[in-house]
Amino acid sequence: MFLNMKKEDLPNKIPVFPLSNFIIFPKTTVPLNIFEPRYIDMINDSMKSNKLIGMIQPKTSNIKQIKPELHEVGCLGKITSFRETEDGRFLIEVKGLIRFRKITELSTENKYRVLEVNFKDFYQDLENKKENLKFSDLELIFKDLKSLFEKRGFIINWKALEKQSLDETINALAMASPFSLEEKQVLLEAKDLDNRKEKISQILSTYTFDNFDNTTIQ
């Protein structure tokens, strides 16, 4: 179920979780395993307030960088499920609400990073309108993606996907796809579902199956 949020309720500053090669789209849900102390702090603070966190990709996948430069666009999510394990980890689920554009990074006493953000370019993410697309429009994309997923050893329940709405399906495939950090960012920044479908098709057309033999899935 989509979590309703009004424009006027959107925060202008949010804690962010920078994850390389990982994106979340509006109206999709992802599980996260939180174990780093700074992000344990972030989730604790978020659970005490509005349960909102931002997911955003760093521009580099170099894990040695303490504060890598971040992309301009990320997605605001709400924590919808929370469980603490015996060894102190947090197992959470985050539901994507609306994309945001980074304005500046704020200086705080927190160990985690906090951004000032703007949502005005993405208010359409809050709407529940149905996109004018049919599964028949996507058959070739699904066929090509299915081949690539299976070559990498991924098993996807395609019949179950077809029971979802088109935006949930396309966004779920974009999130799970074995594309690069930069390619996933292009998909996140695509204006709407139709544009995202075209971007997936364009990205697929640049690959051969051999390319994926040298692609690391993260």
N, C-alpha and C. Protein backbone atom coordinates (compact mmCIF):
# COMPACT_ATOMS: atom_id res chain seq x y z
N MET A 1 0.84 -1.20 0.00
CA MET A 1 0.00 0.00 0.00
C MET A 1 0.88 1.25 0.00
N PHE A 2 0.52 2.18 -0.85
CA PHE A 2 1.30 3.41 -0.95
C PHE A 2 1.04 4.31 0.25
N LEU A 3 2.11 4.85 0.80
CA LEU A 3 1.99 5.74 1.96
C LEU A 3 1.72 7.15 1.47
N ASN A 4 0.58 7.70 1.85
CA ASN A 4 0.23 9.04 1.41
C ASN A 4 1.06 10.09 2.14
N MET A 5 1.58 11.04 1.40
CA MET A 5 2.30 12.16 1.99
C MET A 5 1.99 13.40 1.16
N LYS A 6 1.72 14.50 1.85
CA LYS A 6 1.40 15.74 1.16
C LYS A 6 2.66 16.59 0.99
N LYS A 7 2.63 17.46 -0.03
CA LYS A 7 3.77 18.32 -0.30
C LYS A 7 4.20 19.10 0.94
N GLU A 8 3.20 19.64 1.66
CA GLU A 8 3.50 20.50 2.81
C GLU A 8 4.12 19.72 3.98
N ASP A 9 4.03 18.39 3.95
CA ASP A 9 4.60 17.58 5.03
C ASP A 9 6.03 17.16 4.76
N LEU A 10 6.54 17.46 3.56
CA LEU A 10 7.89 17.03 3.20
C LEU A 10 8.94 17.85 3.96
N PRO A 11 9.93 17.18 4.54
CA PRO A 11 10.98 17.90 5.28
C PRO A 11 11.98 18.56 4.33
N ASN A 12 12.59 19.67 4.76
CA ASN A 12 13.61 20.30 3.89
C ASN A 12 15.02 19.83 4.24
N LYS A 13 15.14 19.04 5.30
CA LYS A 13 16.44 18.43 5.59
C LYS A 13 16.21 16.98 6.03
N ILE A 14 17.06 16.10 5.53
CA ILE A 14 16.87 14.67 5.80
C ILE A 14 18.21 13.99 6.05
N PRO A 15 18.23 12.97 6.92
CA PRO A 15 19.42 12.13 7.05
C PRO A 15 19.50 11.24 5.82
N VAL A 16 20.71 10.96 5.36
CA VAL A 16 20.84 10.15 4.15
C VAL A 16 21.74 8.94 4.36
N PHE A 17 21.39 7.90 3.64
CA PHE A 17 22.13 6.64 3.65
C PHE A 17 22.75 6.48 2.26
N PRO A 18 24.04 6.80 2.08
CA PRO A 18 24.66 6.68 0.76
C PRO A 18 25.06 5.22 0.49
N LEU A 19 24.43 4.62 -0.52
CA LEU A 19 24.73 3.24 -0.88
C LEU A 19 25.08 3.17 -2.36
N SER A 20 26.27 2.63 -2.64
CA SER A 20 26.72 2.54 -4.03
C SER A 20 25.99 1.41 -4.76
N ASN A 21 25.60 1.71 -6.01
CA ASN A 21 24.94 0.73 -6.89
C ASN A 21 23.63 0.24 -6.30
N PHE A 22 22.98 1.12 -5.54
CA PHE A 22 21.70 0.77 -4.93
C PHE A 22 20.76 1.96 -5.04
N ILE A 23 19.57 1.72 -5.59
CA ILE A 23 18.59 2.80 -5.70
C ILE A 23 17.25 2.31 -5.20
N ILE A 24 16.43 3.23 -4.76
CA ILE A 24 15.06 2.93 -4.41
C ILE A 24 14.17 3.93 -5.15
N PHE A 25 13.06 3.43 -5.67
CA PHE A 25 12.13 4.28 -6.40
C PHE A 25 10.87 4.53 -5.56
N PRO A 26 10.16 5.61 -5.86
CA PRO A 26 8.85 5.79 -5.24
C PRO A 26 7.96 4.58 -5.50
N LYS A 27 7.14 4.24 -4.49
CA LYS A 27 6.17 3.15 -4.57
C LYS A 27 6.81 1.77 -4.60
N THR A 28 8.08 1.66 -4.23
CA THR A 28 8.71 0.34 -4.10
C THR A 28 9.25 0.20 -2.68
N THR A 29 9.41 -1.03 -2.23
CA THR A 29 9.89 -1.30 -0.88
C THR A 29 11.15 -2.15 -0.95
N VAL A 30 12.14 -1.80 -0.12
CA VAL A 30 13.38 -2.58 -0.08
C VAL A 30 13.72 -2.92 1.37
N PRO A 31 14.30 -4.12 1.59
CA PRO A 31 14.80 -4.47 2.92
C PRO A 31 16.24 -3.99 3.09
N LEU A 32 16.60 -3.56 4.28
CA LEU A 32 17.96 -3.13 4.56
C LEU A 32 18.45 -3.76 5.86
N ASN A 33 19.72 -4.14 5.84
CA ASN A 33 20.37 -4.70 7.03
C ASN A 33 21.34 -3.64 7.55
N ILE A 34 21.02 -3.01 8.67
CA ILE A 34 21.80 -1.89 9.19
C ILE A 34 22.72 -2.37 10.31
N PHE A 35 24.04 -2.15 10.14
CA PHE A 35 24.97 -2.62 11.16
C PHE A 35 26.05 -1.60 11.53
N GLU A 36 26.33 -0.64 10.63
CA GLU A 36 27.33 0.37 10.96
C GLU A 36 26.80 1.28 12.07
N PRO A 37 27.65 1.59 13.08
CA PRO A 37 27.20 2.41 14.21
C PRO A 37 26.56 3.74 13.81
N ARG A 38 27.11 4.42 12.80
CA ARG A 38 26.55 5.73 12.42
C ARG A 38 25.15 5.59 11.84
N TYR A 39 24.90 4.48 11.14
CA TYR A 39 23.57 4.29 10.56
C TYR A 39 22.60 3.68 11.57
N ILE A 40 23.13 2.96 12.55
CA ILE A 40 22.30 2.56 13.70
C ILE A 40 21.77 3.81 14.38
N ASP A 41 22.68 4.80 14.58
CA ASP A 41 22.27 6.09 15.18
C ASP A 41 21.21 6.77 14.32
N MET A 42 21.43 6.76 13.00
CA MET A 42 20.51 7.43 12.08
C MET A 42 19.12 6.81 12.16
N ILE A 43 19.04 5.49 12.15
CA ILE A 43 17.75 4.81 12.20
C ILE A 43 17.08 5.05 13.56
N ASN A 44 17.87 5.02 14.63
CA ASN A 44 17.32 5.31 15.95
C ASN A 44 16.68 6.70 15.98
N ASP A 45 17.42 7.69 15.46
CA ASP A 45 16.91 9.07 15.45
C ASP A 45 15.67 9.19 14.58
N SER A 46 15.69 8.49 13.43
CA SER A 46 14.56 8.57 12.51
C SER A 46 13.31 7.93 13.12
N MET A 47 13.49 6.81 13.81
CA MET A 47 12.35 6.13 14.42
C MET A 47 11.71 6.98 15.51
N LYS A 48 12.49 7.86 16.12
CA LYS A 48 11.97 8.74 17.17
C LYS A 48 11.25 9.95 16.61
N SER A 49 11.43 10.19 15.29
CA SER A 49 10.81 11.39 14.70
C SER A 49 9.81 11.00 13.62
N ASN A 50 10.16 11.23 12.35
CA ASN A 50 9.19 11.01 11.26
C ASN A 50 9.39 9.71 10.49
N LYS A 51 10.39 8.93 10.87
CA LYS A 51 10.71 7.64 10.23
C LYS A 51 11.15 7.80 8.77
N LEU A 52 11.63 9.00 8.42
CA LEU A 52 12.05 9.27 7.05
C LEU A 52 13.57 9.27 6.92
N ILE A 53 14.07 8.65 5.86
CA ILE A 53 15.49 8.70 5.53
C ILE A 53 15.63 8.85 4.03
N GLY A 54 16.75 9.40 3.59
CA GLY A 54 17.02 9.53 2.17
C GLY A 54 18.00 8.48 1.70
N MET A 55 17.72 7.88 0.55
CA MET A 55 18.65 6.94 -0.08
C MET A 55 19.26 7.66 -1.28
N ILE A 56 20.60 7.67 -1.34
CA ILE A 56 21.27 8.39 -2.43
C ILE A 56 22.58 7.69 -2.76
N GLN A 57 22.94 7.69 -4.03
CA GLN A 57 24.18 7.03 -4.45
C GLN A 57 25.38 7.97 -4.38
N PRO A 58 26.52 7.48 -3.88
CA PRO A 58 27.75 8.24 -4.04
C PRO A 58 28.20 8.19 -5.50
N LYS A 59 29.01 9.16 -5.91
CA LYS A 59 29.46 9.20 -7.31
C LYS A 59 30.57 8.20 -7.58
N THR A 60 31.13 7.61 -6.54
CA THR A 60 32.16 6.60 -6.69
C THR A 60 31.83 5.42 -5.81
N SER A 61 32.24 4.23 -6.22
CA SER A 61 31.99 3.04 -5.41
C SER A 61 33.19 2.72 -4.51
N ASN A 62 34.13 3.67 -4.40
CA ASN A 62 35.31 3.48 -3.56
C ASN A 62 34.92 3.52 -2.09
N ILE A 63 34.89 2.34 -1.44
CA ILE A 63 34.42 2.26 -0.06
C ILE A 63 35.41 2.85 0.93
N LYS A 64 36.63 3.17 0.48
CA LYS A 64 37.63 3.72 1.40
C LYS A 64 37.37 5.21 1.69
N GLN A 65 36.61 5.86 0.83
CA GLN A 65 36.30 7.26 1.05
C GLN A 65 35.28 7.40 2.17
N ILE A 66 35.61 8.22 3.18
CA ILE A 66 34.73 8.40 4.33
C ILE A 66 33.49 9.20 3.94
N LYS A 67 33.68 10.28 3.16
CA LYS A 67 32.55 11.11 2.74
C LYS A 67 32.62 11.32 1.23
N PRO A 68 32.27 10.30 0.46
CA PRO A 68 32.32 10.44 -1.00
C PRO A 68 31.31 11.48 -1.48
N GLU A 69 31.61 12.10 -2.61
CA GLU A 69 30.67 13.06 -3.21
C GLU A 69 29.41 12.32 -3.62
N LEU A 70 28.27 12.97 -3.40
CA LEU A 70 26.99 12.33 -3.66
C LEU A 70 26.37 12.81 -4.98
N HIS A 71 25.55 11.96 -5.57
CA HIS A 71 24.79 12.37 -6.75
C HIS A 71 23.79 13.46 -6.35
N GLU A 72 23.22 14.10 -7.34
CA GLU A 72 22.31 15.22 -7.09
C GLU A 72 20.90 14.75 -6.73
N VAL A 73 20.52 13.56 -7.18
CA VAL A 73 19.15 13.09 -6.99
C VAL A 73 19.13 11.78 -6.21
N GLY A 74 18.26 11.72 -5.21
CA GLY A 74 18.04 10.50 -4.45
C GLY A 74 16.55 10.31 -4.22
N CYS A 75 16.20 9.41 -3.31
CA CYS A 75 14.78 9.14 -3.05
C CYS A 75 14.52 9.10 -1.54
N LEU A 76 13.49 9.82 -1.12
CA LEU A 76 13.08 9.81 0.27
C LEU A 76 12.27 8.55 0.54
N GLY A 77 12.57 7.89 1.66
CA GLY A 77 11.83 6.69 2.01
C GLY A 77 11.34 6.75 3.44
N LYS A 78 10.32 5.97 3.73
CA LYS A 78 9.79 5.88 5.09
C LYS A 78 10.00 4.46 5.61
N ILE A 79 10.48 4.36 6.85
CA ILE A 79 10.68 3.05 7.48
C ILE A 79 9.31 2.46 7.83
N THR A 80 8.98 1.34 7.21
CA THR A 80 7.66 0.73 7.42
C THR A 80 7.74 -0.54 8.26
N SER A 81 8.95 -1.05 8.47
CA SER A 81 9.13 -2.25 9.28
C SER A 81 10.48 -2.13 9.98
N PHE A 82 10.51 -2.53 11.26
CA PHE A 82 11.74 -2.38 12.05
C PHE A 82 11.86 -3.58 12.99
N ARG A 83 13.05 -4.19 12.98
CA ARG A 83 13.32 -5.28 13.93
C ARG A 83 14.79 -5.24 14.32
N GLU A 84 15.06 -5.40 15.61
CA GLU A 84 16.44 -5.44 16.10
C GLU A 84 16.83 -6.88 16.36
N THR A 85 18.02 -7.27 15.87
CA THR A 85 18.50 -8.63 16.06
C THR A 85 19.25 -8.75 17.39
N GLU A 86 19.51 -9.98 17.78
CA GLU A 86 20.22 -10.22 19.04
C GLU A 86 21.63 -9.65 19.03
N ASP A 87 22.24 -9.57 17.84
CA ASP A 87 23.61 -9.03 17.77
C ASP A 87 23.63 -7.53 17.49
N GLY A 88 22.47 -6.86 17.63
CA GLY A 88 22.46 -5.40 17.57
C GLY A 88 22.25 -4.79 16.21
N ARG A 89 21.97 -5.60 15.19
CA ARG A 89 21.69 -5.06 13.86
C ARG A 89 20.21 -4.66 13.78
N PHE A 90 19.92 -3.77 12.83
CA PHE A 90 18.54 -3.40 12.56
C PHE A 90 18.14 -3.97 11.21
N LEU A 91 17.04 -4.69 11.16
CA LEU A 91 16.48 -5.18 9.90
C LEU A 91 15.25 -4.34 9.63
N ILE A 92 15.31 -3.52 8.58
CA ILE A 92 14.22 -2.59 8.31
C ILE A 92 13.72 -2.75 6.87
N GLU A 93 12.53 -2.25 6.62
CA GLU A 93 12.03 -2.11 5.26
C GLU A 93 11.73 -0.64 5.03
N VAL A 94 12.13 -0.15 3.87
CA VAL A 94 11.94 1.26 3.53
C VAL A 94 11.07 1.36 2.29
N LYS A 95 10.03 2.17 2.37
CA LYS A 95 9.12 2.39 1.24
C LYS A 95 9.46 3.72 0.57
N GLY A 96 9.76 3.69 -0.73
CA GLY A 96 10.08 4.91 -1.46
C GLY A 96 8.87 5.80 -1.59
N LEU A 97 9.05 7.10 -1.34
CA LEU A 97 7.94 8.05 -1.39
C LEU A 97 8.07 9.04 -2.55
N ILE A 98 9.20 9.76 -2.59
CA ILE A 98 9.37 10.81 -3.60
C ILE A 98 10.86 11.08 -3.78
N ARG A 99 11.25 11.34 -5.01
CA ARG A 99 12.65 11.69 -5.26
C ARG A 99 12.94 13.11 -4.78
N PHE A 100 14.19 13.38 -4.49
CA PHE A 100 14.60 14.71 -4.06
C PHE A 100 15.86 15.14 -4.79
N ARG A 101 16.08 16.45 -4.81
CA ARG A 101 17.31 17.00 -5.35
C ARG A 101 18.14 17.60 -4.22
N LYS A 102 19.39 17.24 -4.18
CA LYS A 102 20.29 17.74 -3.14
C LYS A 102 20.56 19.23 -3.34
N ILE A 103 20.45 20.01 -2.26
CA ILE A 103 20.81 21.42 -2.32
C ILE A 103 22.21 21.61 -1.73
N THR A 104 22.37 21.19 -0.49
CA THR A 104 23.68 21.30 0.15
C THR A 104 23.76 20.31 1.30
N GLU A 105 24.97 19.99 1.71
CA GLU A 105 25.15 19.12 2.88
C GLU A 105 25.29 19.99 4.12
N LEU A 106 24.59 19.61 5.17
CA LEU A 106 24.58 20.39 6.40
C LEU A 106 25.63 19.90 7.37
N SER A 107 26.17 20.84 8.14
CA SER A 107 27.14 20.49 9.18
C SER A 107 26.37 20.22 10.47
N THR A 108 26.47 19.01 10.99
CA THR A 108 25.76 18.66 12.22
C THR A 108 26.70 17.91 13.15
N GLU A 109 26.22 17.64 14.34
CA GLU A 109 27.01 16.85 15.30
C GLU A 109 26.79 15.35 15.09
N ASN A 110 25.92 15.00 14.18
CA ASN A 110 25.64 13.59 13.92
C ASN A 110 26.81 12.91 13.21
N LYS A 111 26.94 11.61 13.41
CA LYS A 111 27.96 10.85 12.71
C LYS A 111 27.54 10.57 11.26
N TYR A 112 26.24 10.58 11.03
CA TYR A 112 25.73 10.34 9.69
C TYR A 112 25.53 11.68 8.96
N ARG A 113 25.30 11.60 7.65
CA ARG A 113 25.23 12.80 6.83
C ARG A 113 23.78 13.30 6.72
N VAL A 114 23.64 14.62 6.67
CA VAL A 114 22.33 15.26 6.58
C VAL A 114 22.34 16.24 5.41
N LEU A 115 21.31 16.19 4.57
CA LEU A 115 21.24 17.07 3.40
C LEU A 115 20.05 18.01 3.51
N GLU A 116 20.25 19.23 3.00
CA GLU A 116 19.12 20.09 2.71
C GLU A 116 18.67 19.73 1.30
N VAL A 117 17.37 19.50 1.12
CA VAL A 117 16.88 18.97 -0.15
C VAL A 117 15.66 19.75 -0.65
N ASN A 118 15.35 19.53 -1.93
CA ASN A 118 14.19 20.15 -2.56
C ASN A 118 13.45 19.08 -3.35
N PHE A 119 12.11 19.08 -3.27
CA PHE A 119 11.30 18.06 -3.93
C PHE A 119 10.52 18.57 -5.14
N LYS A 120 10.64 19.87 -5.46
CA LYS A 120 9.71 20.49 -6.41
C LYS A 120 9.75 19.87 -7.80
N ASP A 121 10.87 19.29 -8.21
CA ASP A 121 10.94 18.68 -9.54
C ASP A 121 10.24 17.32 -9.61
N PHE A 122 9.82 16.81 -8.46
CA PHE A 122 9.34 15.42 -8.42
C PHE A 122 8.00 15.24 -7.72
N TYR A 123 7.22 16.31 -7.64
CA TYR A 123 5.93 16.20 -6.96
C TYR A 123 5.03 15.14 -7.59
N GLN A 124 5.27 14.84 -8.88
CA GLN A 124 4.43 13.83 -9.54
C GLN A 124 4.60 12.45 -8.89
N ASP A 125 5.70 12.24 -8.18
CA ASP A 125 5.91 10.95 -7.51
C ASP A 125 4.86 10.69 -6.44
N LEU A 126 4.24 11.75 -5.92
CA LEU A 126 3.24 11.60 -4.86
C LEU A 126 1.86 11.26 -5.42
N GLU A 127 1.71 11.38 -6.73
CA GLU A 127 0.41 11.12 -7.34
C GLU A 127 0.19 9.63 -7.54
N ASN A 128 -1.07 9.24 -7.54
CA ASN A 128 -1.41 7.83 -7.72
C ASN A 128 -1.95 7.54 -9.11
N LYS A 129 -1.70 8.44 -10.06
CA LYS A 129 -2.24 8.24 -11.41
C LYS A 129 -1.61 7.02 -12.08
N LYS A 130 -2.37 6.38 -12.93
CA LYS A 130 -1.90 5.19 -13.63
C LYS A 130 -1.22 5.60 -14.94
N GLU A 131 -0.05 5.02 -15.16
CA GLU A 131 0.67 5.32 -16.39
C GLU A 131 0.00 4.59 -17.56
N ASN A 132 0.02 5.22 -18.72
CA ASN A 132 -0.63 4.65 -19.90
C ASN A 132 0.33 3.70 -20.63
N LEU A 133 0.65 2.63 -19.96
CA LEU A 133 1.53 1.61 -20.55
C LEU A 133 0.89 0.25 -20.36
N LYS A 134 1.19 -0.67 -21.26
CA LYS A 134 0.69 -2.03 -21.15
C LYS A 134 1.87 -2.99 -21.08
N PHE A 135 1.61 -4.17 -20.54
CA PHE A 135 2.68 -5.15 -20.47
C PHE A 135 3.18 -5.54 -21.86
N SER A 136 2.28 -5.46 -22.84
CA SER A 136 2.70 -5.79 -24.21
C SER A 136 3.77 -4.81 -24.70
N ASP A 137 3.75 -3.56 -24.15
CA ASP A 137 4.77 -2.57 -24.52
C ASP A 137 6.15 -2.98 -24.01
N LEU A 138 6.16 -3.84 -23.00
CA LEU A 138 7.42 -4.11 -22.29
C LEU A 138 7.96 -5.51 -22.55
N GLU A 139 7.31 -6.26 -23.41
CA GLU A 139 7.68 -7.66 -23.58
C GLU A 139 9.14 -7.84 -23.97
N LEU A 140 9.63 -7.01 -24.90
CA LEU A 140 11.01 -7.15 -25.35
C LEU A 140 11.98 -6.82 -24.23
N ILE A 141 11.69 -5.73 -23.50
CA ILE A 141 12.55 -5.35 -22.38
C ILE A 141 12.59 -6.48 -21.34
N PHE A 142 11.41 -7.00 -21.00
CA PHE A 142 11.36 -8.07 -20.01
C PHE A 142 12.12 -9.29 -20.50
N LYS A 143 11.97 -9.61 -21.79
CA LYS A 143 12.66 -10.78 -22.35
C LYS A 143 14.17 -10.61 -22.25
N ASP A 144 14.67 -9.43 -22.62
CA ASP A 144 16.12 -9.19 -22.55
C ASP A 144 16.62 -9.18 -21.11
N LEU A 145 15.85 -8.52 -20.23
CA LEU A 145 16.25 -8.49 -18.83
C LEU A 145 16.24 -9.89 -18.23
N LYS A 146 15.23 -10.67 -18.57
CA LYS A 146 15.12 -12.03 -18.04
C LYS A 146 16.35 -12.85 -18.43
N SER A 147 16.77 -12.71 -19.68
CA SER A 147 17.96 -13.45 -20.14
C SER A 147 19.19 -13.05 -19.34
N LEU A 148 19.34 -11.74 -19.10
CA LEU A 148 20.51 -11.25 -18.37
C LEU A 148 20.47 -11.67 -16.90
N PHE A 149 19.32 -11.59 -16.29
CA PHE A 149 19.17 -12.03 -14.89
C PHE A 149 19.53 -13.51 -14.77
N GLU A 150 19.00 -14.32 -15.66
CA GLU A 150 19.22 -15.76 -15.57
C GLU A 150 20.67 -16.11 -15.83
N LYS A 151 21.32 -15.36 -16.73
CA LYS A 151 22.74 -15.62 -17.01
C LYS A 151 23.57 -15.35 -15.77
N ARG A 152 23.14 -14.40 -14.95
CA ARG A 152 23.87 -14.06 -13.72
C ARG A 152 23.44 -14.93 -12.54
N GLY A 153 22.52 -15.87 -12.77
CA GLY A 153 22.10 -16.76 -11.68
C GLY A 153 20.97 -16.21 -10.83
N PHE A 154 20.33 -15.14 -11.29
CA PHE A 154 19.21 -14.57 -10.55
C PHE A 154 17.91 -15.25 -10.98
N ILE A 155 17.10 -15.59 -10.01
CA ILE A 155 15.79 -16.16 -10.29
C ILE A 155 14.73 -15.14 -9.94
N ILE A 156 13.90 -14.80 -10.91
CA ILE A 156 12.84 -13.81 -10.68
C ILE A 156 11.50 -14.45 -11.02
N ASN A 157 10.53 -14.24 -10.14
CA ASN A 157 9.18 -14.74 -10.38
C ASN A 157 8.46 -13.77 -11.30
N TRP A 158 8.59 -14.00 -12.60
CA TRP A 158 8.05 -13.06 -13.58
C TRP A 158 6.53 -13.03 -13.56
N LYS A 159 5.91 -14.18 -13.27
CA LYS A 159 4.44 -14.22 -13.20
C LYS A 159 3.94 -13.33 -12.06
N ALA A 160 4.68 -13.37 -10.94
CA ALA A 160 4.30 -12.54 -9.79
C ALA A 160 4.46 -11.06 -10.14
N LEU A 161 5.52 -10.75 -10.90
CA LEU A 161 5.74 -9.36 -11.30
C LEU A 161 4.58 -8.84 -12.14
N GLU A 162 4.05 -9.69 -12.99
CA GLU A 162 2.97 -9.26 -13.88
C GLU A 162 1.68 -8.92 -13.12
N LYS A 163 1.60 -9.38 -11.87
CA LYS A 163 0.42 -9.09 -11.06
C LYS A 163 0.53 -7.72 -10.39
N GLN A 164 1.73 -7.17 -10.40
CA GLN A 164 1.93 -5.86 -9.80
C GLN A 164 1.52 -4.77 -10.80
N SER A 165 1.47 -3.52 -10.30
CA SER A 165 1.25 -2.41 -11.22
C SER A 165 2.50 -2.22 -12.07
N LEU A 166 2.35 -1.57 -13.21
CA LEU A 166 3.49 -1.40 -14.11
C LEU A 166 4.62 -0.59 -13.48
N ASP A 167 4.25 0.46 -12.73
CA ASP A 167 5.32 1.27 -12.14
C ASP A 167 6.11 0.46 -11.12
N GLU A 168 5.40 -0.35 -10.31
CA GLU A 168 6.10 -1.19 -9.34
C GLU A 168 7.01 -2.19 -10.04
N THR A 169 6.54 -2.76 -11.15
CA THR A 169 7.31 -3.77 -11.87
C THR A 169 8.56 -3.17 -12.51
N ILE A 170 8.37 -2.09 -13.24
CA ILE A 170 9.52 -1.46 -13.91
C ILE A 170 10.54 -0.97 -12.89
N ASN A 171 10.06 -0.35 -11.82
CA ASN A 171 10.97 0.16 -10.81
C ASN A 171 11.70 -0.97 -10.08
N ALA A 172 10.98 -2.06 -9.80
CA ALA A 172 11.62 -3.20 -9.13
C ALA A 172 12.72 -3.79 -10.02
N LEU A 173 12.45 -3.92 -11.31
CA LEU A 173 13.45 -4.46 -12.23
C LEU A 173 14.63 -3.51 -12.37
N ALA A 174 14.35 -2.21 -12.38
CA ALA A 174 15.44 -1.23 -12.48
C ALA A 174 16.34 -1.29 -11.24
N MET A 175 15.72 -1.46 -10.07
CA MET A 175 16.49 -1.52 -8.82
C MET A 175 17.38 -2.76 -8.79
N ALA A 176 16.81 -3.90 -9.24
CA ALA A 176 17.53 -5.17 -9.13
C ALA A 176 18.45 -5.45 -10.31
N SER A 177 18.37 -4.64 -11.35
CA SER A 177 19.11 -4.92 -12.58
C SER A 177 20.62 -4.88 -12.37
N PRO A 178 21.35 -5.70 -13.13
CA PRO A 178 22.81 -5.72 -13.05
C PRO A 178 23.43 -4.60 -13.88
N PHE A 179 22.99 -3.38 -13.66
CA PHE A 179 23.53 -2.22 -14.35
C PHE A 179 24.56 -1.52 -13.46
N SER A 180 25.31 -0.60 -14.05
CA SER A 180 26.33 0.12 -13.30
C SER A 180 25.69 1.20 -12.42
N LEU A 181 26.50 1.72 -11.51
CA LEU A 181 26.07 2.83 -10.64
C LEU A 181 25.51 3.98 -11.46
N GLU A 182 26.24 4.35 -12.51
CA GLU A 182 25.83 5.49 -13.34
C GLU A 182 24.54 5.19 -14.09
N GLU A 183 24.41 3.96 -14.58
CA GLU A 183 23.20 3.60 -15.32
C GLU A 183 21.97 3.59 -14.40
N LYS A 184 22.15 3.11 -13.19
CA LYS A 184 21.04 3.11 -12.24
C LYS A 184 20.64 4.54 -11.88
N GLN A 185 21.63 5.42 -11.81
CA GLN A 185 21.32 6.82 -11.51
C GLN A 185 20.51 7.45 -12.63
N VAL A 186 20.84 7.09 -13.88
CA VAL A 186 20.06 7.58 -15.03
C VAL A 186 18.61 7.13 -14.91
N LEU A 187 18.40 5.89 -14.49
CA LEU A 187 17.03 5.37 -14.33
C LEU A 187 16.29 6.10 -13.23
N LEU A 188 16.99 6.39 -12.13
CA LEU A 188 16.36 7.11 -11.02
C LEU A 188 15.93 8.50 -11.45
N GLU A 189 16.75 9.16 -12.26
CA GLU A 189 16.48 10.55 -12.63
C GLU A 189 15.51 10.66 -13.81
N ALA A 190 15.17 9.52 -14.44
CA ALA A 190 14.21 9.56 -15.55
C ALA A 190 12.90 10.18 -15.08
N LYS A 191 12.36 11.10 -15.87
CA LYS A 191 11.22 11.92 -15.44
C LYS A 191 10.00 11.12 -15.05
N ASP A 192 9.63 10.12 -15.86
CA ASP A 192 8.43 9.35 -15.57
C ASP A 192 8.64 7.90 -16.00
N LEU A 193 7.60 7.10 -15.82
CA LEU A 193 7.70 5.68 -16.09
C LEU A 193 8.00 5.39 -17.55
N ASP A 194 7.36 6.11 -18.45
CA ASP A 194 7.59 5.89 -19.88
C ASP A 194 9.04 6.19 -20.24
N ASN A 195 9.57 7.28 -19.68
CA ASN A 195 10.96 7.65 -19.92
C ASN A 195 11.90 6.60 -19.32
N ARG A 196 11.53 6.07 -18.16
CA ARG A 196 12.37 5.05 -17.51
C ARG A 196 12.39 3.77 -18.34
N LYS A 197 11.24 3.43 -18.90
CA LYS A 197 11.17 2.24 -19.78
C LYS A 197 12.10 2.42 -20.97
N GLU A 198 12.11 3.61 -21.58
CA GLU A 198 12.98 3.88 -22.72
C GLU A 198 14.45 3.81 -22.32
N LYS A 199 14.77 4.33 -21.13
CA LYS A 199 16.16 4.31 -20.66
C LYS A 199 16.64 2.88 -20.44
N ILE A 200 15.76 2.04 -19.86
CA ILE A 200 16.13 0.63 -19.67
C ILE A 200 16.43 -0.01 -21.02
N SER A 201 15.57 0.27 -22.00
CA SER A 201 15.76 -0.29 -23.34
C SER A 201 17.07 0.18 -23.96
N GLN A 202 17.37 1.49 -23.79
CA GLN A 202 18.62 2.04 -24.33
C GLN A 202 19.84 1.40 -23.68
N ILE A 203 19.78 1.24 -22.36
CA ILE A 203 20.91 0.64 -21.65
C ILE A 203 21.11 -0.81 -22.10
N LEU A 204 20.01 -1.54 -22.20
CA LEU A 204 20.12 -2.94 -22.64
C LEU A 204 20.72 -3.05 -24.04
N SER A 205 20.40 -2.08 -24.90
CA SER A 205 20.90 -2.14 -26.28
C SER A 205 22.41 -1.93 -26.36
N THR A 206 23.02 -1.38 -25.31
CA THR A 206 24.47 -1.16 -25.31
C THR A 206 25.23 -2.37 -24.80
N TYR A 207 24.50 -3.35 -24.25
CA TYR A 207 25.14 -4.53 -23.66
C TYR A 207 25.06 -5.73 -24.59
N THR A 208 26.06 -6.57 -24.48
CA THR A 208 25.94 -7.93 -25.00
C THR A 208 26.02 -8.83 -23.78
N PHE A 209 25.69 -10.07 -23.95
CA PHE A 209 25.74 -10.98 -22.81
C PHE A 209 27.15 -11.07 -22.24
N ASP A 210 28.15 -10.93 -23.11
CA ASP A 210 29.54 -11.01 -22.64
C ASP A 210 29.87 -9.89 -21.68
N ASN A 211 29.25 -8.70 -21.88
CA ASN A 211 29.53 -7.60 -20.97
C ASN A 211 29.23 -8.00 -19.53
N PHE A 212 28.16 -8.76 -19.36
CA PHE A 212 27.72 -9.06 -18.02
C PHE A 212 28.60 -10.10 -17.33
N ASP A 213 29.45 -10.78 -18.12
CA ASP A 213 30.39 -11.71 -17.48
C ASP A 213 31.40 -10.95 -16.64
N ASN A 214 31.61 -9.68 -16.95
CA ASN A 214 32.59 -8.89 -16.23
C ASN A 214 31.95 -7.84 -15.35
N THR A 215 30.68 -7.99 -15.09
CA THR A 215 29.96 -7.01 -14.27
C THR A 215 29.78 -7.55 -12.87
N THR A 216 30.14 -6.76 -11.89
CA THR A 216 29.97 -7.17 -10.50
C THR A 216 28.59 -6.76 -10.00
N ILE A 217 27.85 -7.71 -9.51
CA ILE A 217 26.53 -7.43 -8.95
C ILE A 217 26.70 -7.13 -7.48
N GLN A 218 26.22 -5.97 -7.08
CA GLN A 218 26.37 -5.58 -5.68
C GLN A 218 25.03 -5.53 -5.00
